Amino acid sequence: MAETGLVIPIDNAEAVVSPWRRFLDPQAACGVPAHVTVLYPFVDSGRVDDALRARLSHVIGAVECFDCCFSGCSWFGENVLWLAPDVPAPFIELTTVLWRAFPAYPPYGGAHSTVVPHLTVGEAGLVTNRQLRRAEQMLTTALPVTARVDRALLLAVDYAVGACTTLGEFPLGTP
């Protein structure tokens, strides 16, 4: 069964990060767009129905749209290269709102004590650290990336077949 998660697509980042993500991020190989994860893992894909979509629409619609900027790269150890939002608070707020509405699904399964919003570019294991460092050097010259955050996507990713399916698109509220 496919894993699901709620993400914020960062369309304006695609031109900058997709040449790197294609080779460095296994999610990109499945068709997952450049994004910031707001709640993962989420419900089993077989449990997504109209009632869940309506609830997600209500919860996400209560959070106002916002602008974001990614002006630098950061790392989780030496293993994961990511773009850091200059102001992470709105992403954290959206994660918190969703977690309160769906307490059975803590961010990252409760594996981390704090939420660190990020746009993954690549991870070690697929490539060498040297390749990730090269990507970081090249990305730094292409930043900043700015974007309007106006929607969240519910995605289902099946790594066994290398496919990503959008199960719902949910607009954020307007100020």
C-alpha atoms as a PDB file:
ATOM      1  CA  MET A   1       0.000   0.000   0.000  1.00  0.00           C
ATOM      2  CA  ALA A   2       1.242   3.496  -0.792  1.00  0.00           C
ATOM      3  CA  GLU A   3       2.451   5.809   1.964  1.00  0.00           C
ATOM      4  CA  THR A   4       0.661   9.153   2.235  1.00  0.00           C
ATOM      5  CA  GLY A   5       1.756  12.550   3.412  1.00  0.00           C
ATOM      6  CA  LEU A   6       0.661  16.168   3.328  1.00  0.00           C
ATOM      7  CA  VAL A   7       3.102  18.484   1.600  1.00  0.00           C
ATOM      8  CA  ILE A   8       3.394  22.080   0.487  1.00  0.00           C
ATOM      9  CA  PRO A   9       4.534  22.132  -3.143  1.00  0.00           C
ATOM     10  CA  ILE A  10       7.136  24.796  -3.865  1.00  0.00           C
ATOM     11  CA  ASP A  11       6.605  25.217  -7.595  1.00  0.00           C
ATOM     12  CA  ASN A  12       9.094  28.074  -7.940  1.00  0.00           C
ATOM     13  CA  ALA A  13      11.856  25.808  -6.627  1.00  0.00           C
ATOM     14  CA  GLU A  14      11.460  23.201  -9.370  1.00  0.00           C
ATOM     15  CA  ALA A  15      13.709  24.964 -11.894  1.00  0.00           C
ATOM     16  CA  VAL A  16      16.444  25.341  -9.288  1.00  0.00           C
ATOM     17  CA  VAL A  17      16.326  21.974  -7.525  1.00  0.00           C
ATOM     18  CA  SER A  18      14.903  19.470 -10.014  1.00  0.00           C
ATOM     19  CA  PRO A  19      18.192  18.939 -11.887  1.00  0.00           C
ATOM     20  CA  TRP A  20      19.680  17.842  -8.555  1.00  0.00           C
ATOM     21  CA  ARG A  21      16.693  16.109  -7.004  1.00  0.00           C
ATOM     22  CA  ARG A  22      16.314  13.898 -10.069  1.00  0.00           C
ATOM     23  CA  PHE A  23      19.561  12.143  -9.138  1.00  0.00           C
ATOM     24  CA  LEU A  24      19.854  12.806  -5.418  1.00  0.00           C
ATOM     25  CA  ASP A  25      16.351  12.345  -3.969  1.00  0.00           C
ATOM     26  CA  PRO A  26      14.445   9.034  -4.297  1.00  0.00           C
ATOM     27  CA  GLN A  27      11.115  10.849  -3.931  1.00  0.00           C
ATOM     28  CA  ALA A  28      11.798  12.908  -7.045  1.00  0.00           C
ATOM     29  CA  ALA A  29      12.373   9.702  -8.990  1.00  0.00           C
ATOM     30  CA  CYS A  30       8.801   8.710  -8.049  1.00  0.00           C
ATOM     31  CA  GLY A  31       7.394  12.029  -9.253  1.00  0.00           C
ATOM     32  CA  VAL A  32       7.115  13.831  -5.912  1.00  0.00           C
ATOM     33  CA  PRO A  33       7.432  17.581  -6.569  1.00  0.00           C
ATOM     34  CA  ALA A  34       9.770  19.939  -4.720  1.00  0.00           C
ATOM     35  CA  HIS A  35       8.015  20.422  -1.399  1.00  0.00           C
ATOM     36  CA  VAL A  36       8.060  21.010   2.328  1.00  0.00           C
ATOM     37  CA  THR A  37       6.463  18.140   4.241  1.00  0.00           C
ATOM     38  CA  VAL A  38       3.867  19.219   6.791  1.00  0.00           C
ATOM     39  CA  LEU A  39       2.574  15.841   7.999  1.00  0.00           C
ATOM     40  CA  TYR A  40       4.082  12.449   7.282  1.00  0.00           C
ATOM     41  CA  PRO A  41       3.307   9.618   7.624  1.00  0.00           C
ATOM     42  CA  PHE A  42      -0.414  10.069   7.266  1.00  0.00           C
ATOM     43  CA  VAL A  43      -3.386   7.697   6.788  1.00  0.00           C
ATOM     44  CA  ASP A  44      -3.147   4.514   4.741  1.00  0.00           C
ATOM     45  CA  SER A  45      -3.960   5.376   1.150  1.00  0.00           C
ATOM     46  CA  GLY A  46      -6.917   2.986   1.200  1.00  0.00           C
ATOM     47  CA  ARG A  47      -8.558   5.078   3.945  1.00  0.00           C
ATOM     48  CA  VAL A  48      -8.648   8.305   1.945  1.00  0.00           C
ATOM     49  CA  ASP A  49     -12.280   9.117   1.238  1.00  0.00           C
ATOM     50  CA  ASP A  50     -14.527  12.138   0.708  1.00  0.00           C
ATOM     51  CA  ALA A  51     -15.030  12.620   4.464  1.00  0.00           C
ATOM     52  CA  LEU A  52     -11.276  12.796   5.062  1.00  0.00           C
ATOM     53  CA  ARG A  53     -10.829  15.173   2.135  1.00  0.00           C
ATOM     54  CA  ALA A  54     -13.589  17.430   3.512  1.00  0.00           C
ATOM     55  CA  ARG A  55     -11.967  17.479   6.940  1.00  0.00           C
ATOM     56  CA  LEU A  56      -8.561  18.276   5.450  1.00  0.00           C
ATOM     57  CA  SER A  57     -10.110  21.053   3.371  1.00  0.00           C
ATOM     58  CA  HIS A  58     -11.630  22.588   6.502  1.00  0.00           C
ATOM     59  CA  VAL A  59      -8.455  22.324   8.620  1.00  0.00           C
ATOM     60  CA  ILE A  60      -6.042  23.528   5.938  1.00  0.00           C
ATOM     61  CA  GLY A  61      -8.430  26.261   4.772  1.00  0.00           C
ATOM     62  CA  ALA A  62      -8.325  27.770   8.264  1.00  0.00           C
ATOM     63  CA  VAL A  63      -4.603  28.557   7.832  1.00  0.00           C
ATOM     64  CA  GLU A  64      -3.830  31.690   5.829  1.00  0.00           C
ATOM     65  CA  CYS A  65      -1.686  31.698   2.696  1.00  0.00           C
ATOM     66  CA  PHE A  66       1.840  32.992   3.192  1.00  0.00           C
ATOM     67  CA  ASP A  67       4.982  33.868   1.292  1.00  0.00           C
ATOM     68  CA  CYS A  68       8.266  32.067   1.847  1.00  0.00           C
ATOM     69  CA  CYS A  69      11.866  32.392   0.793  1.00  0.00           C
ATOM     70  CA  PHE A  70      14.644  29.823   0.643  1.00  0.00           C
ATOM     71  CA  SER A  71      17.981  31.625   0.579  1.00  0.00           C
ATOM     72  CA  GLY A  72      20.335  28.967   1.863  1.00  0.00           C
ATOM     73  CA  CYS A  73      21.173  25.298   2.075  1.00  0.00           C
ATOM     74  CA  SER A  74      21.447  23.300   5.252  1.00  0.00           C
ATOM     75  CA  TRP A  75      22.219  19.744   6.334  1.00  0.00           C
ATOM     76  CA  PHE A  76      20.976  16.989   8.572  1.00  0.00           C
ATOM     77  CA  GLY A  77      24.380  15.692   9.622  1.00  0.00           C
ATOM     78  CA  GLU A  78      26.340  14.795   6.502  1.00  0.00           C
ATOM     79  CA  ASN A  79      23.488  12.773   5.059  1.00  0.00           C
ATOM     80  CA  VAL A  80      20.699  15.072   3.850  1.00  0.00           C
ATOM     81  CA  LEU A  81      21.059  18.323   1.911  1.00  0.00           C
ATOM     82  CA  TRP A  82      18.067  20.632   2.045  1.00  0.00           C
ATOM     83  CA  LEU A  83      16.893  24.162   1.433  1.00  0.00           C
ATOM     84  CA  ALA A  84      15.964  26.035   4.576  1.00  0.00           C
ATOM     85  CA  PRO A  85      13.012  28.416   4.611  1.00  0.00           C
ATOM     86  CA  ASP A  86      14.159  31.798   5.944  1.00  0.00           C
ATOM     87  CA  VAL A  87      11.078  31.900   8.179  1.00  0.00           C
ATOM     88  CA  PRO A  88      10.030  28.382   9.222  1.00  0.00           C
ATOM     89  CA  ALA A  89       7.206  29.449  11.576  1.00  0.00           C
ATOM     90  CA  PRO A  90       4.303  29.316   9.062  1.00  0.00           C
ATOM     91  CA  PHE A  91       5.233  25.760   8.059  1.00  0.00           C
ATOM     92  CA  ILE A  92       5.483  24.752  11.725  1.00  0.00           C
ATOM     93  CA  GLU A  93       2.083  26.345  12.372  1.00  0.00           C
ATOM     94  CA  LEU A  94       0.493  24.331   9.576  1.00  0.00           C
ATOM     95  CA  THR A  95       2.082  21.119  10.871  1.00  0.00           C
ATOM     96  CA  THR A  96       0.838  21.890  14.389  1.00  0.00           C
ATOM     97  CA  VAL A  97      -2.701  22.614  13.195  1.00  0.00           C
ATOM     98  CA  LEU A  98      -2.806  19.356  11.234  1.00  0.00           C
ATOM     99  CA  TRP A  99      -1.333  17.312  14.072  1.00  0.00           C
ATOM    100  CA  ARG A 100      -3.933  18.721  16.490  1.00  0.00           C
ATOM    101  CA  ALA A 101      -6.681  17.767  14.042  1.00  0.00           C
ATOM    102  CA  PHE A 102      -5.168  14.316  13.456  1.00  0.00           C
ATOM    103  CA  PRO A 103      -3.364  13.396  16.706  1.00  0.00           C
ATOM    104  CA  ALA A 104      -2.856   9.776  15.647  1.00  0.00           C
ATOM    105  CA  TYR A 105      -0.364  11.028  13.043  1.00  0.00           C
ATOM    106  CA  PRO A 106       2.506  12.916  14.690  1.00  0.00           C
ATOM    107  CA  PRO A 107       5.051  14.518  12.359  1.00  0.00           C
ATOM    108  CA  TYR A 108       7.566  11.934  11.111  1.00  0.00           C
ATOM    109  CA  GLY A 109       5.856   9.309  13.240  1.00  0.00           C
ATOM    110  CA  GLY A 110       7.115  11.030  16.390  1.00  0.00           C
ATOM    111  CA  ALA A 111      10.738  10.217  15.522  1.00  0.00           C
ATOM    112  CA  HIS A 112      11.924  13.800  16.100  1.00  0.00           C
ATOM    113  CA  SER A 113      11.312  16.105  19.055  1.00  0.00           C
ATOM    114  CA  THR A 114      11.157  19.241  16.905  1.00  0.00           C
ATOM    115  CA  VAL A 115       9.768  19.990  13.475  1.00  0.00           C
ATOM    116  CA  VAL A 116      12.360  21.371  11.047  1.00  0.00           C
ATOM    117  CA  PRO A 117      10.666  22.539   7.834  1.00  0.00           C
ATOM    118  CA  HIS A 118      12.861  21.783   4.853  1.00  0.00           C
ATOM    119  CA  LEU A 119      12.895  21.112   1.117  1.00  0.00           C
ATOM    120  CA  THR A 120      15.014  18.011   0.571  1.00  0.00           C
ATOM    121  CA  VAL A 121      17.471  18.169  -2.307  1.00  0.00           C
ATOM    122  CA  GLY A 122      19.264  14.865  -1.812  1.00  0.00           C
ATOM    123  CA  GLU A 123      20.468  12.260   0.579  1.00  0.00           C
ATOM    124  CA  ALA A 124      23.531  10.111   1.043  1.00  0.00           C
ATOM    125  CA  GLY A 125      23.126   6.450   0.321  1.00  0.00           C
ATOM    126  CA  LEU A 126      22.070   7.092  -3.237  1.00  0.00           C
ATOM    127  CA  VAL A 127      25.074   9.275  -3.953  1.00  0.00           C
ATOM    128  CA  THR A 128      28.316  10.293  -2.332  1.00  0.00           C
ATOM    129  CA  ASN A 129      28.705  13.153   0.075  1.00  0.00           C
ATOM    130  CA  ARG A 130      30.972  14.762  -2.507  1.00  0.00           C
ATOM    131  CA  GLN A 131      28.086  14.831  -4.999  1.00  0.00           C
ATOM    132  CA  LEU A 132      25.834  16.409  -2.382  1.00  0.00           C
ATOM    133  CA  ARG A 133      28.498  19.046  -1.629  1.00  0.00           C
ATOM    134  CA  ARG A 134      28.753  19.836  -5.334  1.00  0.00           C
ATOM    135  CA  ALA A 135      24.987  20.265  -5.500  1.00  0.00           C
ATOM    136  CA  GLU A 136      25.154  22.602  -2.507  1.00  0.00           C
ATOM    137  CA  GLN A 137      27.778  24.765  -4.225  1.00  0.00           C
ATOM    138  CA  MET A 138      25.722  25.053  -7.391  1.00  0.00           C
ATOM    139  CA  LEU A 139      22.434  25.659  -5.578  1.00  0.00           C
ATOM    140  CA  THR A 140      23.887  28.448  -3.487  1.00  0.00           C
ATOM    141  CA  THR A 141      24.486  30.467  -6.650  1.00  0.00           C
ATOM    142  CA  ALA A 142      20.865  29.963  -7.802  1.00  0.00           C
ATOM    143  CA  LEU A 143      19.192  31.050  -4.571  1.00  0.00           C
ATOM    144  CA  PRO A 144      17.034  32.664  -3.299  1.00  0.00           C
ATOM    145  CA  VAL A 145      13.787  31.018  -4.298  1.00  0.00           C
ATOM    146  CA  THR A 146      10.601  32.779  -3.262  1.00  0.00           C
ATOM    147  CA  ALA A 147       7.122  31.307  -3.374  1.00  0.00           C
ATOM    148  CA  ARG A 148       3.534  31.895  -2.372  1.00  0.00           C
ATOM    149  CA  VAL A 149       2.214  29.038  -0.252  1.00  0.00           C
ATOM    150  CA  ASP A 150      -1.426  28.712  -1.167  1.00  0.00           C
ATOM    151  CA  ARG A 151      -2.176  24.983  -1.113  1.00  0.00           C
ATOM    152  CA  ALA A 152      -1.285  21.620   0.351  1.00  0.00           C
ATOM    153  CA  LEU A 153      -1.288  18.289  -1.436  1.00  0.00           C
ATOM    154  CA  LEU A 154      -2.148  14.863  -0.099  1.00  0.00           C
ATOM    155  CA  LEU A 155       0.239  12.542  -1.908  1.00  0.00           C
ATOM    156  CA  ALA A 156       0.461   8.765  -2.024  1.00  0.00           C
ATOM    157  CA  VAL A 157       3.882   7.371  -2.914  1.00  0.00           C
ATOM    158  CA  ASP A 158       4.413   3.755  -3.865  1.00  0.00           C
ATOM    159  CA  TYR A 159       8.165   3.202  -3.860  1.00  0.00           C
ATOM    160  CA  ALA A 160       7.781  -0.384  -5.094  1.00  0.00           C
ATOM    161  CA  VAL A 161       6.487   0.834  -8.448  1.00  0.00           C
ATOM    162  CA  GLY A 162       8.082   4.296  -8.355  1.00  0.00           C
ATOM    163  CA  ALA A 163       4.852   6.274  -8.555  1.00  0.00           C
ATOM    164  CA  CYS A 164       3.318   9.296  -6.856  1.00  0.00           C
ATOM    165  CA  THR A 165      -0.403  10.053  -6.954  1.00  0.00           C
ATOM    166  CA  THR A 166      -2.113  13.237  -5.793  1.00  0.00           C
ATOM    167  CA  LEU A 167      -5.111  12.213  -3.692  1.00  0.00           C
ATOM    168  CA  GLY A 168      -6.242  15.752  -2.928  1.00  0.00           C
ATOM    169  CA  GLU A 169      -5.362  19.430  -3.253  1.00  0.00           C
ATOM    170  CA  PHE A 170      -6.393  21.758  -0.426  1.00  0.00           C
ATOM    171  CA  PRO A 171      -6.244  25.547  -0.666  1.00  0.00           C
ATOM    172  CA  LEU A 172      -5.041  27.557   2.304  1.00  0.00           C
ATOM    173  CA  GLY A 173      -7.267  30.412   3.410  1.00  0.00           C
ATOM    174  CA  THR A 174      -6.946  33.913   2.073  1.00  0.00           C
ATOM    175  CA  PRO A 175      -6.159  36.750   4.487  1.00  0.00           C
END
